[in-house]
Amino acid sequence: MKDEEQRLSEFIDRLNEEKKPDDVHGDSGELKELYSTVKLVRALKEPEMPASDFWEKLANSLGTSTKRKSRNEIYLPV
């Protein structure tokens, strides 16, 4: 039982780290059901939003500007 608890804990930790969990094909049916439940609960989590300066950093990394003169102006990267 301790081994199954440890495997479930490791599965949750991998999901929390935004990593793909280890292969679960050899695990018991009960453990696979718990994995499915954990995935469903994780899907209820609020999505992580980018930082407030994300768009500016993206533009800088692409060598472009995020500034526009008007809404009708066609935006072409410089």
N, C-alpha and C. Protein backbone atom coordinates (compact mmCIF):
# COMPACT_ATOMS: atom_id res chain seq x y z
N MET A 1 0.82 -1.19 0.00
CA MET A 1 0.00 0.00 0.00
C MET A 1 0.87 1.26 0.00
N LYS A 2 1.94 1.25 0.78
CA LYS A 2 2.83 2.41 0.84
C LYS A 2 3.41 2.71 -0.53
N ASP A 3 3.74 1.67 -1.28
CA ASP A 3 4.30 1.86 -2.62
C ASP A 3 3.30 2.57 -3.53
N GLU A 4 2.03 2.16 -3.46
CA GLU A 4 1.00 2.80 -4.28
C GLU A 4 0.80 4.25 -3.87
N GLU A 5 0.84 4.53 -2.57
CA GLU A 5 0.71 5.91 -2.09
C GLU A 5 1.88 6.75 -2.60
N GLN A 6 3.07 6.17 -2.59
CA GLN A 6 4.25 6.88 -3.06
C GLN A 6 4.15 7.16 -4.56
N ARG A 7 3.67 6.16 -5.33
CA ARG A 7 3.53 6.34 -6.79
C ARG A 7 2.49 7.41 -7.10
N LEU A 8 1.39 7.44 -6.34
CA LEU A 8 0.37 8.47 -6.54
C LEU A 8 0.93 9.85 -6.19
N SER A 9 1.68 9.93 -5.11
CA SER A 9 2.29 11.19 -4.71
C SER A 9 3.26 11.69 -5.78
N GLU A 10 4.07 10.80 -6.34
CA GLU A 10 5.01 11.17 -7.40
C GLU A 10 4.26 11.61 -8.66
N PHE A 11 3.14 10.94 -8.96
CA PHE A 11 2.30 11.30 -10.11
C PHE A 11 1.79 12.73 -9.95
N ILE A 12 1.28 13.05 -8.76
CA ILE A 12 0.76 14.39 -8.48
C ILE A 12 1.88 15.42 -8.55
N ASP A 13 3.03 15.09 -7.98
CA ASP A 13 4.16 16.02 -8.01
C ASP A 13 4.57 16.34 -9.44
N ARG A 14 4.62 15.33 -10.31
CA ARG A 14 4.99 15.56 -11.71
C ARG A 14 3.97 16.47 -12.39
N LEU A 15 2.70 16.25 -12.14
CA LEU A 15 1.67 17.12 -12.73
C LEU A 15 1.82 18.56 -12.22
N ASN A 16 2.08 18.71 -10.93
CA ASN A 16 2.25 20.04 -10.36
C ASN A 16 3.46 20.77 -10.92
N GLU A 17 4.46 20.02 -11.34
CA GLU A 17 5.66 20.60 -11.95
C GLU A 17 5.47 20.83 -13.45
N GLU A 18 4.23 20.59 -13.94
CA GLU A 18 3.91 20.73 -15.37
C GLU A 18 4.74 19.79 -16.23
N LYS A 19 5.04 18.61 -15.69
CA LYS A 19 5.80 17.60 -16.42
C LYS A 19 4.90 16.40 -16.69
N LYS A 20 5.26 15.64 -17.69
CA LYS A 20 4.50 14.43 -18.02
C LYS A 20 4.77 13.37 -16.95
N PRO A 21 3.71 12.79 -16.39
CA PRO A 21 3.91 11.73 -15.38
C PRO A 21 4.60 10.51 -15.98
N ASP A 22 5.22 9.74 -15.12
CA ASP A 22 5.87 8.51 -15.54
C ASP A 22 4.83 7.54 -16.10
N ASP A 23 5.30 6.54 -16.82
CA ASP A 23 4.44 5.53 -17.42
C ASP A 23 3.62 4.83 -16.33
N VAL A 24 2.31 4.68 -16.56
CA VAL A 24 1.42 4.11 -15.55
C VAL A 24 0.80 2.79 -16.01
N HIS A 25 1.29 2.23 -17.10
CA HIS A 25 0.66 1.02 -17.66
C HIS A 25 0.74 -0.20 -16.74
N GLY A 26 1.78 -0.31 -15.93
CA GLY A 26 1.93 -1.48 -15.07
C GLY A 26 1.23 -1.37 -13.73
N ASP A 27 0.55 -0.26 -13.50
CA ASP A 27 -0.08 -0.03 -12.19
C ASP A 27 -1.44 -0.73 -12.10
N SER A 28 -1.93 -0.89 -10.87
CA SER A 28 -3.21 -1.55 -10.61
C SER A 28 -4.36 -0.71 -11.15
N GLY A 29 -5.50 -1.34 -11.31
CA GLY A 29 -6.69 -0.66 -11.79
C GLY A 29 -7.13 0.47 -10.85
N GLU A 30 -7.01 0.21 -9.54
CA GLU A 30 -7.40 1.22 -8.56
C GLU A 30 -6.49 2.45 -8.67
N LEU A 31 -5.20 2.21 -8.86
CA LEU A 31 -4.26 3.32 -8.97
C LEU A 31 -4.50 4.11 -10.26
N LYS A 32 -4.81 3.41 -11.34
CA LYS A 32 -5.12 4.09 -12.60
C LYS A 32 -6.36 4.96 -12.46
N GLU A 33 -7.34 4.47 -11.70
CA GLU A 33 -8.55 5.24 -11.45
C GLU A 33 -8.23 6.50 -10.63
N LEU A 34 -7.33 6.37 -9.67
CA LEU A 34 -6.92 7.53 -8.89
C LEU A 34 -6.17 8.53 -9.77
N TYR A 35 -5.35 8.04 -10.69
CA TYR A 35 -4.64 8.93 -11.62
C TYR A 35 -5.66 9.74 -12.44
N SER A 36 -6.68 9.07 -12.93
CA SER A 36 -7.71 9.75 -13.71
C SER A 36 -8.42 10.81 -12.89
N THR A 37 -8.70 10.49 -11.63
CA THR A 37 -9.35 11.45 -10.74
C THR A 37 -8.47 12.66 -10.50
N VAL A 38 -7.17 12.43 -10.30
CA VAL A 38 -6.23 13.52 -10.09
C VAL A 38 -6.20 14.43 -11.31
N LYS A 39 -6.19 13.84 -12.50
CA LYS A 39 -6.17 14.64 -13.74
C LYS A 39 -7.44 15.49 -13.86
N LEU A 40 -8.57 14.91 -13.49
CA LEU A 40 -9.82 15.67 -13.54
C LEU A 40 -9.81 16.85 -12.55
N VAL A 41 -9.30 16.62 -11.37
CA VAL A 41 -9.22 17.68 -10.38
C VAL A 41 -8.26 18.77 -10.86
N ARG A 42 -7.15 18.37 -11.46
CA ARG A 42 -6.18 19.36 -11.98
C ARG A 42 -6.81 20.21 -13.08
N ALA A 43 -7.71 19.64 -13.84
CA ALA A 43 -8.36 20.37 -14.93
C ALA A 43 -9.25 21.49 -14.39
N LEU A 44 -9.64 21.42 -13.13
CA LEU A 44 -10.48 22.44 -12.52
C LEU A 44 -9.67 23.66 -12.09
N LYS A 45 -8.36 23.52 -12.06
CA LYS A 45 -7.48 24.60 -11.62
C LYS A 45 -7.55 25.78 -12.58
N GLU A 46 -7.47 26.99 -12.03
CA GLU A 46 -7.43 28.19 -12.86
C GLU A 46 -6.18 28.16 -13.72
N PRO A 47 -6.31 28.53 -15.01
CA PRO A 47 -5.11 28.54 -15.85
C PRO A 47 -4.15 29.63 -15.40
N GLU A 48 -2.88 29.37 -15.56
CA GLU A 48 -1.86 30.34 -15.20
C GLU A 48 -1.76 31.40 -16.29
N MET A 49 -1.90 32.65 -15.91
CA MET A 49 -1.85 33.74 -16.88
C MET A 49 -0.43 34.29 -16.97
N PRO A 50 -0.06 34.78 -18.16
CA PRO A 50 1.29 35.33 -18.29
C PRO A 50 1.46 36.61 -17.46
N ALA A 51 2.70 36.93 -17.16
CA ALA A 51 3.00 38.13 -16.39
C ALA A 51 2.54 39.37 -17.15
N SER A 52 2.36 40.48 -16.43
CA SER A 52 1.83 41.70 -17.05
C SER A 52 2.75 42.24 -18.15
N ASP A 53 4.03 41.96 -18.07
CA ASP A 53 4.96 42.45 -19.09
C ASP A 53 5.25 41.41 -20.18
N PHE A 54 4.45 40.38 -20.27
CA PHE A 54 4.67 39.30 -21.24
C PHE A 54 4.72 39.81 -22.67
N TRP A 55 3.73 40.61 -23.08
CA TRP A 55 3.66 41.06 -24.47
C TRP A 55 4.84 41.93 -24.84
N GLU A 56 5.26 42.78 -23.91
CA GLU A 56 6.41 43.64 -24.19
C GLU A 56 7.69 42.80 -24.31
N LYS A 57 7.85 41.83 -23.43
CA LYS A 57 9.03 40.95 -23.51
C LYS A 57 9.02 40.16 -24.81
N LEU A 58 7.84 39.69 -25.22
CA LEU A 58 7.73 38.95 -26.48
C LEU A 58 8.11 39.84 -27.65
N ALA A 59 7.59 41.04 -27.68
CA ALA A 59 7.91 41.97 -28.76
C ALA A 59 9.41 42.28 -28.78
N ASN A 60 9.99 42.48 -27.61
CA ASN A 60 11.43 42.76 -27.54
C ASN A 60 12.24 41.58 -28.03
N SER A 61 11.83 40.38 -27.69
CA SER A 61 12.57 39.19 -28.12
C SER A 61 12.46 39.00 -29.63
N LEU A 62 11.38 39.50 -30.23
CA LEU A 62 11.21 39.40 -31.67
C LEU A 62 11.77 40.62 -32.40
N GLY A 63 12.20 41.61 -31.62
CA GLY A 63 12.75 42.81 -32.21
C GLY A 63 11.68 43.71 -32.82
N THR A 64 10.48 43.68 -32.26
CA THR A 64 9.38 44.51 -32.77
C THR A 64 8.86 45.38 -31.65
N SER A 65 7.95 46.25 -31.99
CA SER A 65 7.34 47.15 -31.01
C SER A 65 5.86 46.79 -30.85
N THR A 66 5.33 47.02 -29.66
CA THR A 66 3.91 46.75 -29.41
C THR A 66 3.10 48.03 -29.53
N LYS A 67 3.74 49.17 -29.83
CA LYS A 67 3.05 50.45 -29.91
C LYS A 67 2.35 50.61 -31.26
N ARG A 68 1.12 51.15 -31.25
CA ARG A 68 0.35 51.46 -32.45
C ARG A 68 -0.13 52.90 -32.35
N LYS A 69 -0.30 53.55 -33.51
CA LYS A 69 -0.80 54.92 -33.50
C LYS A 69 -2.31 54.94 -33.41
N SER A 70 -2.99 54.04 -34.08
CA SER A 70 -4.45 54.01 -34.02
C SER A 70 -4.93 52.58 -34.22
N ARG A 71 -6.22 52.35 -33.97
CA ARG A 71 -6.80 51.02 -34.14
C ARG A 71 -6.88 50.63 -35.60
N ASN A 72 -6.96 51.61 -36.50
CA ASN A 72 -7.11 51.33 -37.92
C ASN A 72 -5.78 51.11 -38.63
N GLU A 73 -4.69 51.38 -37.94
CA GLU A 73 -3.37 51.23 -38.53
C GLU A 73 -3.05 49.75 -38.72
N ILE A 74 -2.48 49.41 -39.85
CA ILE A 74 -2.05 48.03 -40.09
C ILE A 74 -0.74 47.84 -39.37
N TYR A 75 -0.65 46.77 -38.62
CA TYR A 75 0.54 46.51 -37.82
C TYR A 75 1.46 45.58 -38.58
N LEU A 76 2.65 46.07 -38.88
CA LEU A 76 3.68 45.25 -39.51
C LEU A 76 4.91 45.31 -38.62
N PRO A 77 5.52 44.18 -38.32
CA PRO A 77 6.73 44.20 -37.50
C PRO A 77 7.83 45.00 -38.19
N VAL A 78 8.60 45.71 -37.40
CA VAL A 78 9.68 46.56 -37.93
C VAL A 78 10.93 45.73 -38.07
